[in-house]
N, C-alpha and C. Protein backbone atom coordinates (compact mmCIF):
# COMPACT_ATOMS: atom_id res chain seq x y z
N MET A 1 166.29 36.86 111.12
CA MET A 1 165.39 36.52 110.03
C MET A 1 165.46 37.62 108.99
N SER A 2 165.60 37.24 107.72
CA SER A 2 165.73 38.26 106.67
C SER A 2 164.35 38.74 106.24
N GLN A 3 164.34 39.99 105.81
CA GLN A 3 163.11 40.60 105.32
C GLN A 3 162.99 40.35 103.82
N PRO A 4 161.78 40.13 103.32
CA PRO A 4 161.62 39.99 101.87
C PRO A 4 161.91 41.33 101.20
N ALA A 5 162.42 41.26 99.98
CA ALA A 5 162.72 42.48 99.24
C ALA A 5 161.43 43.25 98.98
N ALA A 6 161.55 44.58 99.06
CA ALA A 6 160.39 45.43 98.80
C ALA A 6 160.01 45.30 97.33
N LYS A 7 158.73 45.24 97.07
CA LYS A 7 158.26 45.11 95.70
C LYS A 7 158.43 46.45 94.99
N GLN A 8 159.01 46.39 93.79
CA GLN A 8 159.19 47.58 92.98
C GLN A 8 157.83 48.00 92.41
N PRO A 9 157.57 49.33 92.35
CA PRO A 9 156.32 49.77 91.73
C PRO A 9 156.36 49.45 90.23
N ASP A 10 155.21 49.18 89.64
CA ASP A 10 155.22 48.91 88.21
C ASP A 10 155.52 50.20 87.45
N MET A 11 156.02 50.06 86.24
CA MET A 11 156.47 51.21 85.44
C MET A 11 155.36 52.23 85.22
N ARG A 12 154.17 51.77 84.97
CA ARG A 12 153.07 52.72 84.70
C ARG A 12 152.76 53.59 85.91
N THR A 13 152.95 53.06 87.10
CA THR A 13 152.72 53.82 88.32
C THR A 13 153.91 54.74 88.61
N ALA A 14 155.12 54.21 88.49
CA ALA A 14 156.32 54.98 88.81
C ALA A 14 156.64 56.02 87.76
N MET A 15 156.28 55.75 86.49
CA MET A 15 156.65 56.64 85.38
C MET A 15 155.44 56.88 84.47
N PRO A 16 154.41 57.57 84.96
CA PRO A 16 153.19 57.74 84.16
C PRO A 16 153.38 58.55 82.88
N MET A 17 154.25 59.56 82.88
CA MET A 17 154.49 60.32 81.65
C MET A 17 155.19 59.45 80.61
N THR A 18 156.10 58.61 81.07
CA THR A 18 156.78 57.69 80.17
C THR A 18 155.79 56.69 79.58
N ALA A 19 154.91 56.17 80.40
CA ALA A 19 153.91 55.20 79.93
C ALA A 19 153.02 55.83 78.86
N ALA A 20 152.58 57.06 79.07
CA ALA A 20 151.74 57.75 78.09
C ALA A 20 152.53 58.01 76.80
N TRP A 21 153.79 58.40 76.93
CA TRP A 21 154.65 58.66 75.77
C TRP A 21 154.84 57.38 74.95
N ILE A 22 155.06 56.27 75.64
CA ILE A 22 155.22 54.98 74.96
C ILE A 22 153.96 54.63 74.18
N GLU A 23 152.80 54.85 74.77
CA GLU A 23 151.54 54.55 74.08
C GLU A 23 151.39 55.40 72.82
N ARG A 24 151.78 56.68 72.89
CA ARG A 24 151.72 57.54 71.69
C ARG A 24 152.70 57.04 70.63
N LYS A 25 153.88 56.63 71.05
CA LYS A 25 154.88 56.11 70.11
C LYS A 25 154.40 54.81 69.46
N ARG A 26 153.67 54.00 70.19
CA ARG A 26 153.12 52.77 69.60
C ARG A 26 152.17 53.11 68.46
N LEU A 27 151.41 54.18 68.63
CA LEU A 27 150.50 54.62 67.56
C LEU A 27 151.28 55.21 66.40
N ASP A 28 152.32 55.99 66.69
CA ASP A 28 153.10 56.67 65.65
C ASP A 28 154.04 55.73 64.90
N MET A 29 154.72 54.86 65.62
CA MET A 29 155.80 54.05 65.04
C MET A 29 155.44 52.59 64.86
N GLY A 30 154.34 52.19 65.44
CA GLY A 30 153.93 50.79 65.37
C GLY A 30 154.26 50.06 66.66
N LYS A 31 153.33 49.27 67.10
CA LYS A 31 153.47 48.55 68.36
C LYS A 31 154.66 47.59 68.34
N ALA A 32 154.85 46.88 67.22
CA ALA A 32 155.94 45.89 67.14
C ALA A 32 157.29 46.57 67.30
N HIS A 33 157.49 47.71 66.63
CA HIS A 33 158.78 48.41 66.71
C HIS A 33 159.03 48.90 68.14
N VAL A 34 158.05 49.54 68.74
CA VAL A 34 158.22 50.09 70.08
C VAL A 34 158.45 48.97 71.09
N ASN A 35 157.68 47.91 71.02
CA ASN A 35 157.87 46.80 71.95
C ASN A 35 159.24 46.15 71.78
N ASP A 36 159.72 46.05 70.54
CA ASP A 36 161.05 45.50 70.29
C ASP A 36 162.12 46.40 70.90
N CYS A 37 161.99 47.71 70.71
CA CYS A 37 162.96 48.65 71.30
C CYS A 37 162.97 48.54 72.83
N LEU A 38 161.80 48.48 73.43
CA LEU A 38 161.71 48.36 74.88
C LEU A 38 162.38 47.08 75.38
N ARG A 39 162.03 45.96 74.76
CA ARG A 39 162.59 44.67 75.17
C ARG A 39 164.11 44.68 75.07
N ARG A 40 164.63 45.17 73.96
CA ARG A 40 166.08 45.16 73.75
C ARG A 40 166.78 46.13 74.70
N ALA A 41 166.19 47.29 74.94
CA ALA A 41 166.81 48.27 75.85
C ALA A 41 166.81 47.77 77.29
N ILE A 42 165.73 47.16 77.71
CA ILE A 42 165.66 46.62 79.07
C ILE A 42 166.66 45.48 79.24
N ALA A 43 166.95 44.78 78.16
CA ALA A 43 167.95 43.71 78.20
C ALA A 43 169.38 44.26 78.15
N GLY A 44 169.52 45.59 77.99
CA GLY A 44 170.85 46.20 78.04
C GLY A 44 171.41 46.69 76.73
N GLU A 45 170.66 46.59 75.65
CA GLU A 45 171.16 47.04 74.34
C GLU A 45 171.04 48.56 74.23
N PRO A 46 172.17 49.26 74.00
CA PRO A 46 172.11 50.72 73.87
C PRO A 46 171.49 51.14 72.54
N GLY A 47 170.99 52.37 72.52
CA GLY A 47 170.49 52.94 71.27
C GLY A 47 169.12 52.51 70.85
N ARG A 48 168.34 51.94 71.76
CA ARG A 48 166.99 51.48 71.43
C ARG A 48 165.92 52.30 72.15
N PHE A 49 166.06 52.44 73.48
CA PHE A 49 165.07 53.17 74.28
C PHE A 49 165.72 53.56 75.60
N TYR A 50 165.42 54.79 76.03
CA TYR A 50 165.94 55.27 77.30
C TYR A 50 164.98 56.33 77.81
N ALA A 51 164.56 56.22 79.06
CA ALA A 51 163.64 57.20 79.64
C ALA A 51 164.03 57.51 81.08
N LEU A 52 163.82 58.77 81.46
CA LEU A 52 164.05 59.22 82.83
C LEU A 52 162.79 59.97 83.27
N GLU A 53 162.33 59.66 84.47
CA GLU A 53 161.16 60.37 85.00
C GLU A 53 161.15 60.28 86.51
N GLY A 54 161.12 61.43 87.15
CA GLY A 54 160.97 61.49 88.60
C GLY A 54 161.97 60.64 89.37
N GLY A 55 163.21 60.58 88.92
CA GLY A 55 164.23 59.81 89.60
C GLY A 55 164.29 58.34 89.19
N HIS A 56 163.41 57.91 88.31
CA HIS A 56 163.41 56.54 87.80
C HIS A 56 164.03 56.53 86.40
N VAL A 57 164.66 55.43 86.06
CA VAL A 57 165.26 55.25 84.74
C VAL A 57 164.80 53.92 84.17
N LEU A 58 164.52 53.90 82.87
CA LEU A 58 164.11 52.68 82.20
C LEU A 58 164.86 52.59 80.88
N GLY A 59 165.41 51.43 80.57
CA GLY A 59 166.12 51.24 79.31
C GLY A 59 167.61 51.41 79.47
N THR A 60 168.28 51.59 78.33
CA THR A 60 169.73 51.74 78.27
C THR A 60 170.05 52.99 77.47
N PRO A 61 170.97 53.83 77.95
CA PRO A 61 171.29 55.06 77.21
C PRO A 61 171.77 54.79 75.78
N PHE A 62 171.57 55.78 74.94
CA PHE A 62 172.10 55.73 73.59
C PHE A 62 173.61 55.95 73.67
N PRO A 63 174.39 55.41 72.74
CA PRO A 63 175.84 55.56 72.80
C PRO A 63 176.28 57.01 72.58
N PRO A 64 177.50 57.36 73.03
CA PRO A 64 177.99 58.73 72.91
C PRO A 64 178.00 59.28 71.48
N ALA A 65 178.20 58.46 70.48
CA ALA A 65 178.24 58.94 69.09
C ALA A 65 176.84 59.22 68.53
N SER A 66 175.81 58.86 69.26
CA SER A 66 174.43 59.01 68.80
C SER A 66 174.01 60.48 68.78
N PRO A 67 173.17 60.86 67.82
CA PRO A 67 172.64 62.23 67.80
C PRO A 67 171.81 62.56 69.05
N VAL A 68 171.34 61.53 69.74
CA VAL A 68 170.51 61.70 70.94
C VAL A 68 171.37 62.00 72.17
N ASP A 69 172.65 61.70 72.12
CA ASP A 69 173.52 61.79 73.29
C ASP A 69 173.48 63.15 73.98
N GLN A 70 173.54 64.23 73.22
CA GLN A 70 173.52 65.57 73.84
C GLN A 70 172.23 65.79 74.61
N TRP A 71 171.11 65.32 74.07
CA TRP A 71 169.83 65.50 74.75
C TRP A 71 169.77 64.66 76.02
N GLN A 72 170.32 63.45 75.96
CA GLN A 72 170.38 62.61 77.16
C GLN A 72 171.20 63.29 78.25
N GLN A 73 172.37 63.80 77.86
CA GLN A 73 173.23 64.47 78.83
C GLN A 73 172.52 65.67 79.44
N TYR A 74 171.84 66.44 78.60
CA TYR A 74 171.10 67.61 79.09
C TYR A 74 170.05 67.18 80.13
N ALA A 75 169.31 66.12 79.82
CA ALA A 75 168.26 65.64 80.72
C ALA A 75 168.83 65.21 82.06
N VAL A 76 169.96 64.50 82.04
CA VAL A 76 170.56 64.01 83.28
C VAL A 76 171.17 65.17 84.07
N VAL A 77 171.95 66.00 83.42
CA VAL A 77 172.65 67.10 84.12
C VAL A 77 171.67 68.10 84.72
N ASN A 78 170.60 68.38 84.00
CA ASN A 78 169.63 69.37 84.47
C ASN A 78 168.49 68.79 85.30
N GLY A 79 168.48 67.47 85.45
CA GLY A 79 167.46 66.85 86.28
C GLY A 79 166.05 67.11 85.82
N VAL A 80 165.81 66.94 84.52
CA VAL A 80 164.47 67.19 83.99
C VAL A 80 163.46 66.23 84.61
N ALA A 81 162.21 66.63 84.64
CA ALA A 81 161.17 65.80 85.22
C ALA A 81 160.88 64.57 84.35
N PHE A 82 161.05 64.72 83.03
CA PHE A 82 160.75 63.64 82.10
C PHE A 82 161.56 63.81 80.83
N ALA A 83 162.11 62.74 80.35
CA ALA A 83 162.76 62.69 79.03
C ALA A 83 162.70 61.25 78.55
N ALA A 84 162.47 61.07 77.26
CA ALA A 84 162.42 59.73 76.69
C ALA A 84 162.97 59.76 75.27
N PHE A 85 163.63 58.69 74.89
CA PHE A 85 164.27 58.58 73.59
C PHE A 85 164.04 57.17 73.06
N ILE A 86 163.76 57.07 71.75
CA ILE A 86 163.55 55.76 71.14
C ILE A 86 164.15 55.77 69.74
N ALA A 87 164.66 54.63 69.31
CA ALA A 87 165.23 54.51 67.98
C ALA A 87 164.13 54.67 66.93
N GLU A 88 164.48 55.34 65.86
CA GLU A 88 163.54 55.48 64.75
C GLU A 88 163.42 54.14 64.03
N PRO A 89 162.24 53.84 63.49
CA PRO A 89 162.11 52.60 62.73
C PRO A 89 163.01 52.66 61.48
N ALA A 90 163.56 51.54 61.10
CA ALA A 90 164.37 51.48 59.89
C ALA A 90 163.46 51.71 58.69
N ALA A 91 164.02 52.32 57.68
CA ALA A 91 163.24 52.54 56.46
C ALA A 91 162.88 51.17 55.86
N VAL A 92 161.67 51.07 55.40
CA VAL A 92 161.22 49.83 54.79
C VAL A 92 161.81 49.75 53.39
N GLN A 93 162.45 48.64 53.08
CA GLN A 93 163.06 48.47 51.78
C GLN A 93 162.25 47.49 50.94
N THR A 94 162.21 47.77 49.64
CA THR A 94 161.57 46.82 48.72
C THR A 94 162.60 45.73 48.41
N PRO A 95 162.16 44.58 47.91
CA PRO A 95 163.13 43.52 47.58
C PRO A 95 164.20 44.00 46.59
N ALA A 96 163.86 44.88 45.64
CA ALA A 96 164.85 45.39 44.68
C ALA A 96 165.90 46.22 45.41
N GLN A 97 165.50 47.02 46.39
CA GLN A 97 166.45 47.84 47.15
C GLN A 97 167.36 46.96 47.99
N GLU A 98 166.84 45.85 48.50
CA GLU A 98 167.65 44.96 49.33
C GLU A 98 168.76 44.31 48.51
N ARG A 99 168.53 44.08 47.22
CA ARG A 99 169.52 43.44 46.36
C ARG A 99 170.48 44.43 45.72
N ALA A 100 170.17 45.72 45.81
CA ALA A 100 171.01 46.72 45.13
C ALA A 100 172.41 46.73 45.73
N PRO A 101 173.46 46.85 44.89
CA PRO A 101 174.82 46.90 45.43
C PRO A 101 175.05 48.20 46.19
N CYS A 102 175.95 48.15 47.14
CA CYS A 102 176.25 49.33 47.95
C CYS A 102 177.20 50.25 47.24
């Protein structure tokens, strides 16, 4: 008889520093932006959100060409207790800026 799979702890329990950091980022960057980054990173999109805490990982790493890459590598190689990275919100453009030629 097979055993049921063990239930994974929820993120807030397994990664409390990450959860607190995400809440601060929601205040700083806006809830919609942060939630979008989380959803896309959990779905596997790189360069949106990545966090490490106490042996747990959430999100997808930023690509090697990213300015964040060195910090990610440092966190992994040195086994830091907590590290988190999120994409900056895009600059808001006015309609005139959107039509401007490149």
